[in-house]
Amino acid sequence: MKSYQHTQALEQAYELAKSRYAQVGIHTDEAIRDAGAIPISLQCWQGDDVRGFEGAQSLSGGGILATGNYPGWARNGEELRADAVFAFSLIPGAKRFNLHSIYGEPPEGAGKKRDRDALEPEDFHRWMAWSKAKAIPLDFNPTFFAHPLAEAATLSHKDPEIRRFWIRHALASRRIASAFGENQGSPAINNLWIPDGSKDMPADRLSPRLRLKDALDEIFAHALPPNTQQDSLECKLFGIGSEAYVVGSHEFYLSYAVQKQLKLCLDMGHFHPTERIADKMSGILPFVPGLLIHFSRGLHWDSDHVAIFSDETRELCREIKRTNAFERIAIALDFFDASINRIAAWTIGARSVRKALLEAFLEPTALLVAAEQAGKYHERLALMEALKTFPFAAVWDKLCLDAGVPVGTDWFALVDRYEHGIQGSRV
């Protein structure tokens, strides 16, 4: 708990920052309000290294890898929900929670767990009850990895029976997401990503993509109420075991999303290191109903490192604000780091993205655009540089203070106490 004197010092620093930003036409109170209102969807799989509740011990058939063995991972739904609630208490602003289909929990007395192609909304009844009680909306993802039928391929598999299994799974996932949306009064985003690809150079790139197109046509043949669920498609440049060829490439899903008017998911780690999502947004938004942005951090490859307050994160948030596209863009986290405390990973990632959103709302975009339209590019650049030394930290501290979450590094001790008192008891 902050002392009165410390809180007073934070408030005084904020008042000085407020005055400084007012000189460039920015109302910091409004920026704090607007930045805090943007929902960030936290990924459940950071809490348990993408293990899920099916009993799988590895991420086979997925081309993804959670590295590290830090103790304290959540072993069941109750622990995962408790960890998420604690993380929420450290993160300011509106939040959502993002589930994969492998996190279902069958009702009591239901007997054997259903396979993925037979999942029903009732398999997530605990999550929906928790969502309503905590006022935390849910999002969803079908899981096309860590399954015996995912070893070679899924929706592009040459075996029609295996393909049928995964089509049924995708259809079940859409129904589950729709049930989420109806329960929470807010549409759940149902994001489809498949790991299909080739480790080495294929001789036939077209046939798998034609099979994938046919599968997607069947999956999306019937529209579900848009006020309950919204579909998105996620591309990838490459993965482990698909270094040479990915069936669901950016070009494939971009074309399909435009044709079918679906959301497109852009993951910060799913492109070449020299590609920036911020530069792609304005080229895609005129043609699709919306975007889902996955904030992550790739190092040399899509290694799903914890999102930080990086230049790329900041640039991306500024671009969303500059295009005034918050109503058409959903924001989610997508990383899984098993080498550090998992609640700290959630907290660092979500606070970093929220911080970047605040910085974007503190930008005097109108002044930058005016200088640009007047051909005063030197003034545009000079203002961008000047903003880097504005008293942003004081406004961020005020946002946290108003949200009732720890300011600065105060959350470190809280995570340490939770780790030793609760996570430490897990064996």
Protein backbone atom coordinates (compact mmCIF):
# COMPACT_ATOMS: atom_id res chain seq x y z
CA MET A 1 0.00 0.00 0.00
CA LYS A 2 1.33 3.39 -0.99
CA SER A 3 1.82 5.92 1.80
CA TYR A 4 -0.13 9.15 1.66
CA GLN A 5 3.08 11.05 0.97
CA HIS A 6 4.02 8.77 -1.92
CA THR A 7 0.55 8.96 -3.42
CA GLN A 8 0.62 12.73 -3.09
CA ALA A 9 3.98 12.83 -4.89
CA LEU A 10 2.55 10.73 -7.74
CA GLU A 11 -0.43 13.07 -8.01
CA GLN A 12 1.83 16.12 -8.07
CA ALA A 13 4.01 14.60 -10.77
CA TYR A 14 0.87 13.87 -12.76
CA GLU A 15 -0.36 17.45 -12.52
CA LEU A 16 2.95 18.67 -13.97
CA ALA A 17 2.72 16.09 -16.77
CA LYS A 18 -0.89 17.06 -17.43
CA SER A 19 0.17 20.67 -17.92
CA ARG A 20 3.00 19.70 -20.24
CA TYR A 21 0.79 17.58 -22.50
CA ALA A 22 -1.85 20.31 -22.56
CA GLN A 23 0.68 22.48 -24.38
CA VAL A 24 0.32 20.18 -27.41
CA GLY A 25 -3.45 19.88 -27.08
CA ILE A 26 -3.64 16.57 -25.21
CA HIS A 27 -6.03 16.04 -22.31
CA THR A 28 -4.35 13.41 -20.18
CA ASP A 29 -7.49 12.53 -18.19
CA GLU A 30 -9.19 11.58 -21.45
CA ALA A 31 -6.14 9.63 -22.61
CA ILE A 32 -6.14 7.60 -19.37
CA ARG A 33 -9.85 6.90 -19.74
CA ASP A 34 -9.61 5.87 -23.40
CA ALA A 35 -6.48 3.74 -23.02
CA GLY A 36 -7.97 1.89 -20.07
CA ALA A 37 -11.19 1.10 -21.93
CA ILE A 38 -9.50 -0.97 -24.68
CA PRO A 39 -9.89 -4.68 -23.79
CA ILE A 40 -6.77 -6.86 -23.79
CA SER A 41 -7.43 -10.59 -24.04
CA LEU A 42 -5.02 -12.59 -21.87
CA GLN A 43 -4.11 -16.05 -23.16
CA CYS A 44 -4.91 -18.95 -20.82
CA TRP A 45 -2.02 -21.01 -22.19
CA GLN A 46 0.63 -18.82 -20.56
CA GLY A 47 -0.57 -20.16 -17.21
CA ASP A 48 0.29 -23.79 -17.89
CA ASP A 49 2.67 -23.84 -20.90
CA VAL A 50 -0.10 -24.91 -23.34
CA ARG A 51 -0.60 -28.23 -21.55
CA GLY A 52 -4.39 -28.04 -21.41
CA PHE A 53 -6.60 -30.54 -19.62
CA GLU A 54 -6.47 -33.49 -22.02
CA GLY A 55 -3.42 -35.07 -20.43
CA ALA A 56 -1.01 -34.35 -23.29
CA GLN A 57 2.62 -34.02 -22.20
CA SER A 58 3.96 -32.29 -25.31
CA LEU A 59 2.98 -29.94 -28.13
CA SER A 60 3.40 -32.60 -30.79
CA GLY A 61 2.05 -31.91 -34.23
CA GLY A 62 2.00 -28.17 -33.74
CA GLY A 63 5.35 -26.67 -34.64
CA ILE A 64 5.32 -24.70 -31.38
CA LEU A 65 7.38 -25.09 -28.24
CA ALA A 66 7.14 -23.84 -24.65
CA THR A 67 10.64 -23.82 -23.19
CA GLY A 68 11.65 -23.77 -19.54
CA ASN A 69 10.62 -25.58 -16.36
CA TYR A 70 9.84 -22.79 -13.90
CA PRO A 71 7.80 -24.26 -11.02
CA GLY A 72 4.20 -23.46 -10.22
CA TRP A 73 2.30 -24.03 -13.45
CA ALA A 74 -1.48 -24.41 -13.12
CA ARG A 75 -2.51 -28.07 -13.09
CA ASN A 76 -6.27 -27.72 -13.47
CA GLY A 77 -9.04 -25.24 -14.14
CA GLU A 78 -9.39 -24.05 -10.58
CA GLU A 79 -5.69 -23.21 -10.32
CA LEU A 80 -5.62 -21.58 -13.74
CA ARG A 81 -8.63 -19.41 -12.94
CA ALA A 82 -7.15 -18.43 -9.57
CA ASP A 83 -3.85 -17.47 -11.22
CA ALA A 84 -5.67 -15.44 -13.85
CA VAL A 85 -7.69 -13.54 -11.23
CA PHE A 86 -4.49 -12.68 -9.37
CA ALA A 87 -2.86 -11.50 -12.60
CA PHE A 88 -5.94 -9.36 -13.32
CA SER A 89 -5.40 -7.59 -9.98
CA LEU A 90 -1.98 -6.41 -11.20
CA ILE A 91 -3.07 -5.25 -14.65
CA PRO A 92 -4.97 -1.99 -15.24
CA GLY A 93 -7.80 -1.55 -17.70
CA ALA A 94 -10.41 -3.72 -19.42
CA LYS A 95 -9.56 -7.40 -19.81
CA ARG A 96 -10.77 -10.54 -21.54
CA PHE A 97 -9.58 -14.16 -21.27
CA ASN A 98 -8.70 -16.35 -24.22
CA LEU A 99 -9.23 -20.14 -24.16
CA HIS A 100 -8.07 -22.99 -26.36
CA SER A 101 -10.37 -25.96 -26.82
CA ILE A 102 -7.99 -28.20 -24.82
CA TYR A 103 -9.05 -26.37 -21.65
CA GLY A 104 -12.54 -27.87 -21.50
CA GLU A 105 -13.83 -29.43 -18.28
CA PRO A 106 -16.66 -31.96 -18.72
CA PRO A 107 -19.64 -31.61 -16.37
CA GLU A 108 -19.72 -33.76 -13.25
CA GLY A 109 -20.86 -37.28 -14.06
CA ALA A 110 -20.32 -36.85 -17.79
CA GLY A 111 -17.91 -39.78 -17.85
CA LYS A 112 -15.19 -39.98 -20.49
CA LYS A 113 -14.01 -36.71 -21.95
CA ARG A 114 -15.26 -35.98 -25.43
CA ASP A 115 -12.78 -35.91 -28.29
CA ARG A 116 -12.26 -32.53 -29.90
CA ASP A 117 -14.68 -33.11 -32.76
CA ALA A 118 -17.52 -33.71 -30.28
CA LEU A 119 -16.93 -30.84 -27.83
CA GLU A 120 -20.00 -28.98 -26.60
CA PRO A 121 -20.52 -25.67 -24.80
CA GLU A 122 -21.29 -27.57 -21.60
CA ASP A 123 -17.65 -28.72 -21.55
CA PHE A 124 -16.83 -25.09 -20.75
CA HIS A 125 -19.66 -24.42 -18.28
CA ARG A 126 -17.19 -23.68 -15.47
CA TRP A 127 -15.43 -21.11 -17.62
CA MET A 128 -18.70 -19.46 -18.58
CA ALA A 129 -19.86 -19.28 -14.95
CA TRP A 130 -16.49 -17.80 -13.96
CA SER A 131 -16.64 -15.34 -16.85
CA LYS A 132 -20.04 -14.05 -15.78
CA ALA A 133 -19.12 -13.88 -12.09
CA LYS A 134 -15.90 -11.95 -12.77
CA ALA A 135 -17.32 -9.88 -15.68
CA ILE A 136 -14.38 -11.07 -17.81
CA PRO A 137 -15.51 -11.93 -21.38
CA LEU A 138 -14.04 -15.02 -23.05
CA ASP A 139 -12.52 -15.61 -26.48
CA PHE A 140 -11.84 -19.00 -28.07
CA ASN A 141 -9.49 -21.01 -30.29
CA PRO A 142 -9.88 -24.46 -31.82
CA THR A 143 -6.77 -26.57 -31.07
CA PHE A 144 -5.17 -28.18 -34.11
CA PHE A 145 -2.06 -29.54 -32.35
CA ALA A 146 -1.02 -31.98 -29.58
CA HIS A 147 -3.36 -34.70 -30.89
CA PRO A 148 -2.68 -38.05 -32.62
CA LEU A 149 -4.53 -36.86 -35.74
CA ALA A 150 -2.42 -33.70 -35.98
CA GLU A 151 0.94 -35.36 -36.56
CA ALA A 152 1.04 -34.83 -40.33
CA ALA A 153 -1.62 -32.20 -41.10
CA THR A 154 -5.15 -31.15 -40.11
CA LEU A 155 -7.55 -29.24 -42.39
CA SER A 156 -5.25 -29.77 -45.39
CA HIS A 157 -4.62 -33.47 -44.72
CA LYS A 158 -4.80 -35.70 -47.80
CA ASP A 159 -6.83 -38.28 -45.85
CA PRO A 160 -10.47 -37.16 -46.08
CA GLU A 161 -11.40 -38.91 -42.80
CA ILE A 162 -8.75 -37.00 -40.85
CA ARG A 163 -9.81 -33.82 -42.58
CA ARG A 164 -13.44 -34.52 -41.59
CA PHE A 165 -12.41 -34.87 -37.93
CA TRP A 166 -10.80 -31.43 -37.93
CA ILE A 167 -13.71 -29.86 -39.79
CA ARG A 168 -16.04 -31.18 -37.10
CA HIS A 169 -13.70 -29.75 -34.47
CA ALA A 170 -13.73 -26.31 -36.10
CA LEU A 171 -17.53 -26.37 -36.32
CA ALA A 172 -17.79 -27.37 -32.65
CA SER A 173 -15.46 -24.50 -31.73
CA ARG A 174 -17.64 -21.98 -33.52
CA ARG A 175 -20.67 -23.21 -31.59
CA ILE A 176 -18.76 -22.98 -28.30
CA ALA A 177 -17.59 -19.45 -29.05
CA SER A 178 -21.17 -18.48 -29.89
CA ALA A 179 -22.32 -19.87 -26.52
CA PHE A 180 -19.62 -17.79 -24.83
CA GLY A 181 -20.89 -14.65 -26.54
CA GLU A 182 -24.49 -15.33 -25.63
CA ASN A 183 -23.51 -15.95 -22.00
CA GLN A 184 -21.38 -12.81 -21.65
CA GLY A 185 -23.35 -10.40 -23.82
CA SER A 186 -20.27 -9.66 -25.93
CA PRO A 187 -19.09 -11.50 -29.07
CA ALA A 188 -16.31 -14.03 -28.54
CA ILE A 189 -13.59 -14.02 -31.17
CA ASN A 190 -13.00 -17.53 -32.48
CA ASN A 191 -9.52 -17.61 -33.99
CA LEU A 192 -8.48 -20.45 -36.31
CA TRP A 193 -4.81 -21.37 -36.74
CA ILE A 194 -3.47 -24.65 -38.11
CA PRO A 195 0.16 -25.89 -38.08
CA ASP A 196 0.03 -27.64 -41.47
CA GLY A 197 3.18 -27.34 -43.56
CA SER A 198 6.40 -28.97 -44.69
CA LYS A 199 9.85 -29.13 -43.13
CA ASP A 200 11.54 -29.26 -46.52
CA MET A 201 10.70 -28.02 -50.00
CA PRO A 202 7.38 -29.45 -51.23
CA ALA A 203 6.78 -30.48 -54.82
CA ASP A 204 3.09 -29.57 -54.61
CA ARG A 205 2.15 -26.38 -52.80
CA LEU A 206 -1.26 -26.00 -54.41
CA SER A 207 -3.13 -29.19 -53.47
CA PRO A 208 -2.94 -28.73 -49.68
CA ARG A 209 -4.17 -25.16 -50.06
CA LEU A 210 -7.08 -26.26 -52.21
CA ARG A 211 -8.01 -28.83 -49.57
CA LEU A 212 -7.75 -26.17 -46.87
CA LYS A 213 -9.98 -23.85 -48.90
CA ASP A 214 -12.62 -26.55 -49.28
CA ALA A 215 -12.49 -27.30 -45.55
CA LEU A 216 -12.85 -23.63 -44.65
CA ASP A 217 -15.76 -23.29 -47.07
CA GLU A 218 -17.60 -25.99 -45.13
CA ILE A 219 -16.64 -24.56 -41.74
CA PHE A 220 -17.91 -21.08 -42.58
CA ALA A 221 -20.86 -22.14 -44.75
CA HIS A 222 -23.36 -21.06 -42.10
CA ALA A 223 -23.18 -17.68 -40.44
CA LEU A 224 -23.57 -17.49 -36.68
CA PRO A 225 -24.99 -14.38 -34.96
CA PRO A 226 -22.25 -11.71 -35.10
CA ASN A 227 -23.30 -10.46 -31.68
CA THR A 228 -22.25 -13.82 -30.18
CA GLN A 229 -19.10 -14.83 -32.09
CA GLN A 230 -16.77 -13.49 -34.77
CA ASP A 231 -14.37 -15.60 -36.82
CA SER A 232 -10.75 -14.79 -37.55
CA LEU A 233 -7.97 -16.57 -39.44
CA GLU A 234 -4.33 -16.57 -38.33
CA CYS A 235 -1.40 -16.92 -40.72
CA LYS A 236 2.21 -17.83 -40.06
CA LEU A 237 5.47 -17.53 -41.99
CA PHE A 238 6.97 -20.78 -40.67
CA GLY A 239 7.19 -23.02 -37.64
CA ILE A 240 9.23 -25.90 -36.26
CA GLY A 241 8.69 -28.67 -38.79
CA SER A 242 7.21 -26.27 -41.35
CA GLU A 243 10.25 -24.18 -42.16
CA ALA A 244 9.92 -24.52 -45.94
CA TYR A 245 6.17 -24.24 -46.44
CA VAL A 246 3.09 -23.25 -44.44
CA VAL A 247 -0.29 -24.06 -45.97
CA GLY A 248 -2.06 -21.21 -44.16
CA SER A 249 0.23 -18.43 -45.32
CA HIS A 250 -0.45 -14.71 -45.04
CA GLU A 251 -1.39 -14.47 -48.71
CA PHE A 252 -3.78 -17.41 -48.46
CA TYR A 253 -5.66 -16.21 -45.41
CA LEU A 254 -5.65 -12.58 -46.52
CA SER A 255 -7.30 -13.58 -49.79
CA TYR A 256 -9.78 -15.85 -48.03
CA ALA A 257 -10.67 -13.26 -45.37
CA VAL A 258 -11.32 -10.63 -48.04
CA GLN A 259 -13.47 -13.02 -50.08
CA LYS A 260 -15.50 -14.30 -47.13
CA GLN A 261 -15.39 -11.07 -45.08
CA LEU A 262 -13.80 -12.59 -41.99
CA LYS A 263 -11.42 -11.02 -39.51
CA LEU A 264 -7.71 -11.55 -40.16
CA CYS A 265 -5.34 -12.24 -37.28
CA LEU A 266 -1.88 -10.67 -37.44
CA ASP A 267 0.63 -12.07 -34.93
CA MET A 268 3.75 -9.99 -34.27
CA GLY A 269 5.92 -13.11 -34.37
CA HIS A 270 4.49 -14.68 -37.53
CA PHE A 271 6.27 -12.62 -40.16
CA HIS A 272 9.80 -12.05 -41.36
CA PRO A 273 11.79 -10.05 -38.77
CA THR A 274 11.94 -7.06 -41.14
CA GLU A 275 8.15 -6.97 -41.59
CA ARG A 276 6.09 -4.73 -39.31
CA ILE A 277 2.40 -5.31 -38.66
CA ALA A 278 1.90 -1.56 -38.20
CA ASP A 279 2.69 -1.10 -41.87
CA LYS A 280 0.23 -3.81 -42.95
CA MET A 281 -2.83 -2.58 -41.06
CA SER A 282 -3.90 0.29 -43.30
CA GLY A 283 -3.37 -1.90 -46.36
CA ILE A 284 -5.79 -4.54 -45.04
CA LEU A 285 -8.46 -2.66 -43.06
CA PRO A 286 -10.30 -1.26 -46.14
CA PHE A 287 -11.02 -4.82 -47.29
CA VAL A 288 -11.89 -6.87 -44.18
CA PRO A 289 -14.43 -6.30 -41.37
CA GLY A 290 -11.69 -6.16 -38.76
CA LEU A 291 -8.39 -7.44 -37.43
CA LEU A 292 -7.24 -9.45 -34.44
CA ILE A 293 -3.75 -8.42 -33.29
CA HIS A 294 -1.64 -10.89 -31.31
CA PHE A 295 0.98 -9.08 -29.27
CA SER A 296 4.06 -11.25 -28.88
CA ARG A 297 7.80 -10.95 -29.36
CA GLY A 298 9.83 -13.11 -31.68
CA LEU A 299 13.59 -13.34 -31.25
CA HIS A 300 15.16 -14.52 -34.52
CA TRP A 301 12.08 -16.73 -35.02
CA ASP A 302 8.52 -16.98 -33.70
CA SER A 303 9.68 -17.90 -30.22
CA ASP A 304 6.66 -16.38 -28.42
CA HIS A 305 8.61 -14.27 -25.96
CA VAL A 306 6.72 -12.05 -23.53
CA ALA A 307 5.48 -8.83 -25.11
CA ILE A 308 7.34 -5.75 -23.89
CA PHE A 309 7.17 -1.97 -24.33
CA SER A 310 9.25 -2.27 -27.47
CA ASP A 311 9.48 0.04 -30.47
CA GLU A 312 7.34 -2.42 -32.46
CA THR A 313 4.66 -2.62 -29.76
CA ARG A 314 4.56 1.17 -29.47
CA GLU A 315 4.48 1.69 -33.23
CA LEU A 316 1.63 -0.77 -33.59
CA CYS A 317 -0.49 0.91 -30.90
CA ARG A 318 0.18 4.33 -32.41
CA GLU A 319 -0.94 3.07 -35.81
CA ILE A 320 -4.20 1.69 -34.38
CA LYS A 321 -4.85 5.07 -32.79
CA ARG A 322 -3.88 7.03 -35.89
CA THR A 323 -6.30 5.02 -38.02
CA ASN A 324 -8.99 5.37 -35.34
CA ALA A 325 -9.65 1.64 -35.73
CA PHE A 326 -10.19 0.50 -32.14
CA GLU A 327 -13.78 -0.56 -32.84
CA ARG A 328 -12.55 -2.86 -35.63
CA ILE A 329 -9.41 -4.21 -34.00
CA ALA A 330 -9.29 -6.74 -31.18
CA ILE A 331 -6.15 -6.98 -29.04
CA ALA A 332 -4.86 -10.20 -27.51
CA LEU A 333 -1.65 -11.56 -26.02
CA ASP A 334 -0.05 -14.67 -27.53
CA PHE A 335 3.14 -15.90 -25.89
CA PHE A 336 4.11 -18.75 -23.60
CA ASP A 337 7.28 -18.56 -21.57
CA ALA A 338 7.90 -21.42 -19.14
CA SER A 339 11.27 -20.07 -18.03
CA ILE A 340 9.87 -17.34 -15.74
CA ASN A 341 7.01 -16.96 -13.28
CA ARG A 342 3.91 -17.31 -15.43
CA ILE A 343 1.85 -14.68 -13.62
CA ALA A 344 4.73 -12.25 -14.03
CA ALA A 345 4.75 -13.07 -17.75
CA TRP A 346 1.06 -12.19 -18.04
CA THR A 347 1.59 -9.02 -16.02
CA ILE A 348 4.63 -7.80 -17.95
CA GLY A 349 2.97 -8.45 -21.30
CA ALA A 350 -0.41 -6.91 -20.49
CA ARG A 351 1.01 -3.87 -18.68
CA SER A 352 3.42 -3.27 -21.57
CA VAL A 353 0.62 -3.30 -24.14
CA ARG A 354 -1.57 -1.08 -21.94
CA LYS A 355 1.37 1.29 -21.54
CA ALA A 356 1.81 1.44 -25.32
CA LEU A 357 -1.91 2.15 -25.75
CA LEU A 358 -1.66 5.03 -23.29
CA GLU A 359 1.34 6.47 -25.11
CA ALA A 360 -0.64 6.28 -28.36
CA PHE A 361 -3.54 8.24 -26.86
CA LEU A 362 -1.08 10.85 -25.59
CA GLU A 363 0.20 11.52 -29.10
CA PRO A 364 -1.01 14.80 -30.65
CA THR A 365 -1.81 13.06 -33.91
CA ALA A 366 -3.68 16.05 -35.31
CA LEU A 367 -0.52 18.19 -35.05
CA LEU A 368 1.56 15.53 -36.80
CA VAL A 369 -0.96 15.19 -39.61
CA ALA A 370 -1.24 18.97 -40.00
CA ALA A 371 2.54 19.30 -40.35
CA GLU A 372 2.55 16.44 -42.85
CA GLN A 373 -0.22 17.92 -44.97
CA ALA A 374 1.55 21.28 -44.95
CA GLY A 375 4.71 19.63 -46.26
CA LYS A 376 6.57 20.47 -43.02
CA TYR A 377 8.18 17.09 -42.67
CA HIS A 378 10.93 18.52 -40.53
CA GLU A 379 8.31 19.72 -38.05
CA ARG A 380 6.62 16.32 -38.08
CA LEU A 381 9.88 14.56 -37.30
CA ALA A 382 10.90 17.11 -34.69
CA LEU A 383 7.59 16.71 -32.85
CA MET A 384 7.90 12.92 -32.91
CA GLU A 385 11.33 13.27 -31.34
CA ALA A 386 10.19 15.83 -28.77
CA LEU A 387 7.40 13.54 -27.57
CA LYS A 388 9.95 10.92 -26.58
CA THR A 389 11.03 13.05 -23.62
CA PHE A 390 7.58 14.16 -22.48
CA PRO A 391 6.71 13.08 -18.89
CA PHE A 392 4.88 9.94 -19.97
CA ALA A 393 5.83 7.89 -16.90
CA ALA A 394 3.86 10.18 -14.59
CA VAL A 395 0.71 9.66 -16.66
CA TRP A 396 1.23 5.88 -16.65
CA ASP A 397 1.61 5.93 -12.86
CA LYS A 398 -1.64 7.88 -12.62
CA LEU A 399 -3.44 5.33 -14.82
CA CYS A 400 -2.32 2.52 -12.50
CA LEU A 401 -3.17 4.56 -9.41
CA ASP A 402 -6.69 5.29 -10.64
CA ALA A 403 -7.18 1.62 -11.64
CA GLY A 404 -6.26 0.46 -8.15
CA VAL A 405 -3.34 -1.69 -9.30
CA PRO A 406 0.30 -1.54 -8.15
CA VAL A 407 2.35 1.39 -9.40
CA GLY A 408 5.84 0.92 -10.82
CA THR A 409 7.61 -2.11 -9.39
CA ASP A 410 5.26 -2.57 -6.42
CA TRP A 411 3.74 -5.69 -7.98
CA PHE A 412 7.05 -7.62 -7.74
CA ALA A 413 6.60 -8.36 -4.03
CA LEU A 414 2.98 -9.42 -4.56
CA VAL A 415 3.96 -11.98 -7.19
CA ASP A 416 6.76 -13.25 -4.97
CA ARG A 417 4.32 -13.72 -2.08
CA TYR A 418 1.81 -15.53 -4.33
CA GLU A 419 4.55 -17.75 -5.73
CA HIS A 420 5.80 -18.85 -2.33
CA GLY A 421 2.37 -19.10 -0.75
CA ILE A 422 0.28 -20.69 -3.51
CA GLN A 423 2.28 -21.68 -6.60
CA GLY A 424 5.04 -23.11 -4.40
CA SER A 425 2.68 -25.71 -2.98
CA ARG A 426 2.09 -27.27 -6.39
CA VAL A 427 4.09 -30.43 -7.02
